[in-house]
Amino acid sequence: MKYIKFLLALFLINCINPCFSQNEGKSEFKFRLGFSNTANNPTIWKFYESGLHTRINSLYFGFSYSIPINEKTSIMLGTSLTNKGFKTSAIGKYPDYEYELSYRFDLNYLEIPLTFIYKTKYCDLNIGVNYSYLARACWNSYLYESFKNGKTTEYVYNSEITDLMKRNDWGIHLGFSKKVTPFLGVELILQENFIEPYRNTHEIAKQQTIFVGLQYYIY
């Protein structure tokens, strides 16, 4: 909810100053490129609960095509590729044993958003739903152990675990975009996905992603 309030506040600030007028009543084909920042609800990842969960930053890119309904509204269908997941670390100290553990969980998604767009003089409001297909899941971990007798060990583990994951998820998104030149625009989108990380568990987690990027208008 706090992200939605933040997004609405930014929208109101941007509405104070007019920008380049939006194309009204015309189809638009755009290339999208930018940065994404993802946070996962950690309670679903049972074996990670003792660690410190942090967000994952990544690039995203894709295309979108909008079809006008009238001069003010349109429907947009698109596709994009992005990486979601989390990274975490933990340190344990005992009388005769210490360890440092870090790992990164990468989730590579192909996403297909369906968006309703309302055009204003200042910017485009975006709201819609999105289908997400998990193309690849990878777990990378590092463990360093130090014993009281002076012995140390190191383990590096990299594994693709796509087959353990549920591949199909869905979510909702809200945001706005602004055209600043005849060929270039900017976008800020908040997306919340509802995912079932493991097959047949029927346990749902929330996955929040912020997209900040550029739009290049091909036509």
Protein backbone atom coordinates (compact mmCIF):
# COMPACT_ATOMS: atom_id res chain seq x y z
CA MET A 1 0.00 0.00 0.00
CA LYS A 2 2.85 2.41 0.78
CA TYR A 3 4.22 1.93 -2.74
CA ILE A 4 0.85 2.80 -4.27
CA LYS A 5 0.67 6.00 -2.18
CA PHE A 6 4.20 6.90 -3.28
CA LEU A 7 3.28 6.29 -6.92
CA LEU A 8 0.15 8.43 -6.70
CA ALA A 9 2.14 11.23 -5.06
CA LEU A 10 4.63 11.20 -7.92
CA PHE A 11 1.79 11.28 -10.41
CA LEU A 12 0.29 14.40 -8.77
CA ILE A 13 3.67 16.13 -8.74
CA ASN A 14 4.17 15.42 -12.43
CA CYS A 15 0.71 16.69 -13.26
CA ILE A 16 1.65 20.17 -12.02
CA ASN A 17 3.82 20.85 -15.08
CA PRO A 18 2.57 19.94 -18.56
CA CYS A 19 4.75 17.69 -20.64
CA PHE A 20 4.91 16.85 -24.33
CA SER A 21 1.35 16.12 -25.45
CA GLN A 22 0.41 12.47 -25.67
CA ASN A 23 -0.63 10.84 -28.95
CA GLU A 24 -4.40 10.66 -28.89
CA GLY A 25 -6.40 8.09 -30.83
CA LYS A 26 -3.35 6.44 -32.46
CA SER A 27 -1.81 2.99 -32.17
CA GLU A 28 1.67 2.99 -30.62
CA PHE A 29 4.48 0.43 -30.78
CA LYS A 30 7.21 0.92 -28.17
CA PHE A 31 10.50 -0.61 -27.08
CA ARG A 32 10.93 -0.55 -23.28
CA LEU A 33 14.21 -0.60 -21.35
CA GLY A 34 14.98 0.14 -17.72
CA PHE A 35 15.79 -1.00 -14.19
CA SER A 36 13.69 -3.20 -11.93
CA ASN A 37 13.85 -3.63 -8.17
CA THR A 38 12.18 -6.69 -6.64
CA ALA A 39 11.31 -7.68 -3.07
CA ASN A 40 9.91 -11.10 -2.13
CA ASN A 41 7.85 -11.95 0.93
CA PRO A 42 10.43 -14.01 2.88
CA THR A 43 7.99 -16.07 4.95
CA ILE A 44 7.29 -18.37 2.01
CA TRP A 45 10.94 -19.40 1.66
CA LYS A 46 11.09 -21.67 4.70
CA PHE A 47 14.80 -22.47 4.60
CA TYR A 48 15.79 -18.79 4.29
CA GLU A 49 13.91 -17.37 7.26
CA SER A 50 17.00 -16.92 9.46
CA GLY A 51 18.80 -14.76 6.91
CA LEU A 52 18.62 -11.12 5.95
CA HIS A 53 16.63 -10.69 2.77
CA THR A 54 17.49 -7.90 0.37
CA ARG A 55 16.09 -6.73 -2.91
CA ILE A 56 17.42 -7.71 -6.32
CA ASN A 57 18.17 -5.03 -8.93
CA SER A 58 18.06 -5.97 -12.57
CA LEU A 59 17.57 -4.74 -16.13
CA TYR A 60 14.34 -5.33 -18.01
CA PHE A 61 13.47 -4.90 -21.67
CA GLY A 62 10.55 -5.63 -23.93
CA PHE A 63 7.99 -4.35 -26.41
CA SER A 64 4.43 -3.11 -26.15
CA TYR A 65 1.64 -2.30 -28.60
CA SER A 66 -1.36 -0.15 -27.73
CA ILE A 67 -4.70 -0.10 -29.57
CA PRO A 68 -6.92 2.97 -29.06
CA ILE A 69 -10.50 2.62 -27.84
CA ASN A 70 -11.17 6.33 -28.20
CA GLU A 71 -9.13 9.54 -27.95
CA LYS A 72 -8.53 9.13 -24.22
CA THR A 73 -8.34 5.39 -23.60
CA SER A 74 -6.48 2.45 -25.10
CA ILE A 75 -5.57 -1.17 -24.42
CA MET A 76 -1.90 -2.18 -24.42
CA LEU A 77 -0.47 -5.68 -24.80
CA GLY A 78 3.23 -6.27 -24.29
CA THR A 79 6.02 -8.64 -23.37
CA SER A 80 9.20 -8.18 -21.35
CA LEU A 81 12.09 -10.10 -19.80
CA THR A 82 13.33 -9.42 -16.28
CA ASN A 83 15.11 -11.06 -13.34
CA LYS A 84 13.40 -11.30 -9.95
CA GLY A 85 14.37 -13.04 -6.72
CA PHE A 86 16.39 -12.11 -3.65
CA LYS A 87 19.80 -12.35 -2.06
CA THR A 88 20.55 -12.93 1.59
CA SER A 89 23.37 -13.54 4.03
CA ALA A 90 23.80 -14.95 7.53
CA ILE A 91 26.61 -15.17 10.09
CA GLY A 92 26.71 -17.70 12.91
CA LYS A 93 29.11 -17.76 15.87
CA TYR A 94 29.40 -20.62 18.36
CA PRO A 95 32.06 -21.54 20.96
CA ASP A 96 33.91 -23.90 18.61
CA TYR A 97 32.47 -23.02 15.23
CA GLU A 98 31.76 -19.97 13.02
CA TYR A 99 30.26 -19.67 9.57
CA GLU A 100 29.39 -17.12 6.89
CA LEU A 101 26.64 -17.95 4.45
CA SER A 102 25.43 -15.99 1.42
CA TYR A 103 23.19 -16.95 -1.43
CA ARG A 104 21.30 -15.44 -4.34
CA PHE A 105 18.07 -16.68 -5.82
CA ASP A 106 17.54 -15.62 -9.47
CA LEU A 107 14.12 -15.92 -11.10
CA ASN A 108 14.09 -15.09 -14.82
CA TYR A 109 10.59 -14.24 -16.03
CA LEU A 110 8.90 -13.69 -19.36
CA GLU A 111 6.00 -11.37 -18.64
CA ILE A 112 2.92 -10.50 -20.69
CA PRO A 113 1.05 -7.49 -19.28
CA LEU A 114 -2.43 -6.42 -20.37
CA THR A 115 -2.86 -2.74 -19.54
CA PHE A 116 -5.70 -0.22 -19.64
CA ILE A 117 -4.38 3.27 -20.42
CA TYR A 118 -6.12 6.56 -19.74
CA LYS A 119 -4.51 9.49 -21.52
CA THR A 120 -4.40 12.96 -19.98
CA LYS A 121 -2.78 16.18 -21.10
CA TYR A 122 0.08 15.51 -18.71
CA CYS A 123 0.73 11.75 -18.78
CA ASP A 124 -0.77 8.30 -19.29
CA LEU A 125 -2.26 6.41 -16.36
CA ASN A 126 -1.65 2.64 -16.50
CA ILE A 127 -3.50 -0.13 -14.67
CA GLY A 128 -3.78 -3.80 -15.56
CA VAL A 129 -2.98 -7.44 -14.99
CA ASN A 130 0.04 -9.48 -16.02
CA TYR A 131 0.88 -13.11 -16.71
CA SER A 132 4.39 -14.20 -15.70
CA TYR A 133 6.14 -17.33 -16.98
CA LEU A 134 9.21 -18.52 -15.04
CA ALA A 135 11.77 -19.33 -17.72
CA ARG A 136 14.67 -20.15 -15.38
CA ALA A 137 15.36 -20.38 -11.65
CA CYS A 138 18.90 -20.59 -10.28
CA TRP A 139 20.25 -20.85 -6.74
CA ASN A 140 23.83 -19.69 -6.04
CA SER A 141 25.31 -20.10 -2.56
CA TYR A 142 28.62 -19.69 -0.73
CA LEU A 143 29.51 -21.13 2.70
CA TYR A 144 32.67 -20.47 4.71
CA GLU A 145 33.28 -22.43 7.92
CA SER A 146 35.92 -21.83 10.58
CA PHE A 147 36.53 -24.30 13.43
CA LYS A 148 38.21 -23.77 16.78
CA ASN A 149 41.02 -26.19 15.87
CA GLY A 150 42.02 -23.92 12.97
CA LYS A 151 40.40 -25.91 10.18
CA THR A 152 38.47 -23.95 7.55
CA THR A 153 36.25 -25.08 4.69
CA GLU A 154 34.63 -23.33 1.73
CA TYR A 155 31.70 -24.48 -0.39
CA VAL A 156 30.38 -22.94 -3.59
CA TYR A 157 27.10 -24.30 -4.90
CA ASN A 158 25.32 -23.34 -8.11
CA SER A 159 22.21 -25.15 -9.20
CA GLU A 160 19.37 -24.66 -11.65
CA ILE A 161 16.12 -25.50 -9.85
CA THR A 162 13.57 -24.53 -12.49
CA ASP A 163 11.89 -27.95 -12.39
CA LEU A 164 11.13 -27.52 -8.68
CA MET A 165 9.28 -24.26 -9.21
CA LYS A 166 5.81 -23.41 -10.36
CA ARG A 167 6.19 -21.81 -13.79
CA ASN A 168 2.96 -19.79 -14.15
CA ASP A 169 2.08 -16.79 -11.99
CA TRP A 170 -0.06 -13.68 -12.26
CA GLY A 171 -0.20 -10.19 -10.84
CA ILE A 172 -1.48 -6.63 -11.06
CA HIS A 173 0.29 -3.38 -11.92
CA LEU A 174 -0.25 0.37 -11.58
CA GLY A 175 1.76 3.32 -12.80
CA PHE A 176 2.14 6.11 -15.30
CA SER A 177 4.17 7.05 -18.34
CA LYS A 178 5.06 10.38 -19.87
CA LYS A 179 6.11 11.28 -23.39
CA VAL A 180 8.92 13.82 -23.31
CA THR A 181 9.90 13.95 -27.02
CA PRO A 182 8.20 12.68 -30.20
CA PHE A 183 10.13 9.39 -29.88
CA LEU A 184 11.04 9.04 -26.20
CA GLY A 185 9.06 8.55 -23.01
CA VAL A 186 9.58 7.55 -19.38
CA GLU A 187 7.64 5.10 -17.20
CA LEU A 188 7.23 4.22 -13.54
CA ILE A 189 5.32 1.01 -12.81
CA LEU A 190 4.57 -0.83 -9.57
CA GLN A 191 3.80 -4.53 -9.99
CA GLU A 192 2.64 -7.01 -7.39
CA ASN A 193 2.68 -10.69 -8.31
CA PHE A 194 1.00 -13.53 -6.43
CA ILE A 195 3.26 -16.54 -6.80
CA GLU A 196 3.30 -20.14 -5.64
CA PRO A 197 7.06 -20.76 -5.46
CA TYR A 198 7.03 -24.57 -5.24
CA ARG A 199 4.93 -27.02 -7.19
CA ASN A 200 1.77 -28.34 -5.50
CA THR A 201 2.27 -26.46 -2.22
CA HIS A 202 -0.75 -24.17 -2.72
CA GLU A 203 1.03 -21.55 -0.62
CA ILE A 204 0.96 -18.04 -2.08
CA ALA A 205 3.66 -15.38 -1.68
CA LYS A 206 3.74 -11.75 -2.73
CA GLN A 207 6.42 -10.40 -5.01
CA GLN A 208 6.71 -6.61 -5.44
CA THR A 209 8.64 -5.02 -8.29
CA ILE A 210 9.24 -1.39 -9.21
CA PHE A 211 10.05 -0.67 -12.87
CA VAL A 212 11.70 2.63 -13.86
CA GLY A 213 12.57 2.95 -17.50
CA LEU A 214 12.49 4.54 -20.94
CA GLN A 215 10.10 4.01 -23.81
CA TYR A 216 11.23 4.40 -27.40
CA TYR A 217 8.31 5.00 -29.77
CA ILE A 218 8.94 3.01 -32.93
CA TYR A 219 5.69 4.38 -34.34
